[in-house]
């Protein structure tokens, strides 16, 4: 899973929330390429038949948060 986030204030964290086997889970992504202001965050993630829908979440250094539902 690759998520690109751009924020001039700097991204504090990027996480993904999903449900697996009836249990809600949250995992943190790691900055893979770029900078804290404009970078690609990645995570090995069970796509497809295992997890069909998730919510990407991010927070910047000023505590502004965003969430975007993703499905495949």
C-alpha atoms as a PDB file:
ATOM      1  CA  UNK A   1       0.000   0.000   0.000  1.00  0.00           C
ATOM      2  CA  UNK A   2       1.411   3.403  -1.007  1.00  0.00           C
ATOM      3  CA  UNK A   3      -0.155   6.705   0.074  1.00  0.00           C
ATOM      4  CA  UNK A   4       1.183  10.081  -1.061  1.00  0.00           C
ATOM      5  CA  UNK A   5       0.592  12.984   1.329  1.00  0.00           C
ATOM      6  CA  UNK A   6       1.519  16.638   0.782  1.00  0.00           C
ATOM      7  CA  UNK A   7       1.312  19.191   3.600  1.00  0.00           C
ATOM      8  CA  UNK A   8       3.539  22.287   3.988  1.00  0.00           C
ATOM      9  CA  UNK A   9       3.314  22.011   7.790  1.00  0.00           C
ATOM     10  CA  UNK A  10       4.837  18.522   7.706  1.00  0.00           C
ATOM     11  CA  UNK A  11       3.055  15.213   8.111  1.00  0.00           C
ATOM     12  CA  UNK A  12       3.197  13.820  11.664  1.00  0.00           C
ATOM     13  CA  UNK A  13       1.754  10.376  10.879  1.00  0.00           C
ATOM     14  CA  UNK A  14      -0.194   8.318   8.350  1.00  0.00           C
ATOM     15  CA  UNK A  15      -2.298   5.334   9.436  1.00  0.00           C
ATOM     16  CA  UNK A  16      -4.779   2.916   7.955  1.00  0.00           C
ATOM     17  CA  UNK A  17      -7.875   1.660   9.791  1.00  0.00           C
ATOM     18  CA  UNK A  18      -9.662  -1.486   8.639  1.00  0.00           C
ATOM     19  CA  UNK A  19     -11.680  -4.460   9.805  1.00  0.00           C
ATOM     20  CA  UNK A  20     -10.284  -7.979   9.578  1.00  0.00           C
ATOM     21  CA  UNK A  21     -12.038 -11.100  10.858  1.00  0.00           C
ATOM     22  CA  UNK A  22     -14.620  -8.919  12.617  1.00  0.00           C
ATOM     23  CA  UNK A  23     -11.943  -6.972  14.503  1.00  0.00           C
ATOM     24  CA  UNK A  24     -11.119  -3.267  13.964  1.00  0.00           C
ATOM     25  CA  UNK A  25      -7.417  -2.594  13.489  1.00  0.00           C
ATOM     26  CA  UNK A  26      -5.117   0.389  12.890  1.00  0.00           C
ATOM     27  CA  UNK A  27      -1.604   0.223  11.428  1.00  0.00           C
ATOM     28  CA  UNK A  28       0.984   2.947  10.923  1.00  0.00           C
ATOM     29  CA  UNK A  29       2.660   3.586   7.568  1.00  0.00           C
ATOM     30  CA  UNK A  30       6.336   4.528   7.258  1.00  0.00           C
ATOM     31  CA  UNK A  31       7.766   7.362   5.162  1.00  0.00           C
ATOM     32  CA  UNK A  32       9.269   5.599   2.142  1.00  0.00           C
ATOM     33  CA  UNK A  33      10.253   8.385  -0.257  1.00  0.00           C
ATOM     34  CA  UNK A  34      10.273  12.160  -0.228  1.00  0.00           C
ATOM     35  CA  UNK A  35      10.104  14.443   2.775  1.00  0.00           C
ATOM     36  CA  UNK A  36       7.765  14.999   5.721  1.00  0.00           C
ATOM     37  CA  UNK A  37       6.153  17.810   3.686  1.00  0.00           C
ATOM     38  CA  UNK A  38       5.661  15.792   0.473  1.00  0.00           C
ATOM     39  CA  UNK A  39       6.237  12.099   0.640  1.00  0.00           C
ATOM     40  CA  UNK A  40       5.049   8.594  -0.092  1.00  0.00           C
ATOM     41  CA  UNK A  41       4.171   6.451   2.903  1.00  0.00           C
ATOM     42  CA  UNK A  42       4.093   2.661   2.615  1.00  0.00           C
ATOM     43  CA  UNK A  43       2.942  -0.453   4.425  1.00  0.00           C
ATOM     44  CA  UNK A  44       2.785  -4.145   3.542  1.00  0.00           C
ATOM     45  CA  UNK A  45      -0.963  -4.616   3.641  1.00  0.00           C
ATOM     46  CA  UNK A  46      -3.354  -7.527   2.908  1.00  0.00           C
ATOM     47  CA  UNK A  47      -5.247  -6.204  -0.109  1.00  0.00           C
ATOM     48  CA  UNK A  48      -7.940  -7.923  -2.119  1.00  0.00           C
ATOM     49  CA  UNK A  49      -9.861 -10.847  -0.696  1.00  0.00           C
ATOM     50  CA  UNK A  50      -8.531 -10.324   2.850  1.00  0.00           C
ATOM     51  CA  UNK A  51      -9.389  -6.625   3.283  1.00  0.00           C
ATOM     52  CA  UNK A  52     -11.834  -4.990   0.865  1.00  0.00           C
ATOM     53  CA  UNK A  53     -12.188  -1.518   2.397  1.00  0.00           C
ATOM     54  CA  UNK A  54     -10.108   0.721   4.652  1.00  0.00           C
ATOM     55  CA  UNK A  55      -9.762   4.321   5.807  1.00  0.00           C
ATOM     56  CA  UNK A  56      -6.503   6.222   5.300  1.00  0.00           C
ATOM     57  CA  UNK A  57      -5.823   8.822   7.982  1.00  0.00           C
ATOM     58  CA  UNK A  58      -3.123  11.485   8.292  1.00  0.00           C
ATOM     59  CA  UNK A  59      -2.226  14.249  10.729  1.00  0.00           C
ATOM     60  CA  UNK A  60       0.091  17.193  10.202  1.00  0.00           C
ATOM     61  CA  UNK A  61       2.420  18.882  12.680  1.00  0.00           C
ATOM     62  CA  UNK A  62      -0.347  21.401  13.532  1.00  0.00           C
ATOM     63  CA  UNK A  63      -2.755  18.581  14.538  1.00  0.00           C
ATOM     64  CA  UNK A  64      -4.975  18.947  11.462  1.00  0.00           C
ATOM     65  CA  UNK A  65      -6.382  15.539  10.612  1.00  0.00           C
ATOM     66  CA  UNK A  66      -7.902  14.067   7.468  1.00  0.00           C
ATOM     67  CA  UNK A  67      -9.453  10.748   6.570  1.00  0.00           C
ATOM     68  CA  UNK A  68     -10.295   9.195   3.208  1.00  0.00           C
ATOM     69  CA  UNK A  69     -12.127   5.938   2.659  1.00  0.00           C
ATOM     70  CA  UNK A  70     -10.459   3.694   0.107  1.00  0.00           C
ATOM     71  CA  UNK A  71     -11.787   0.553  -1.531  1.00  0.00           C
ATOM     72  CA  UNK A  72     -10.542  -1.762  -4.266  1.00  0.00           C
END
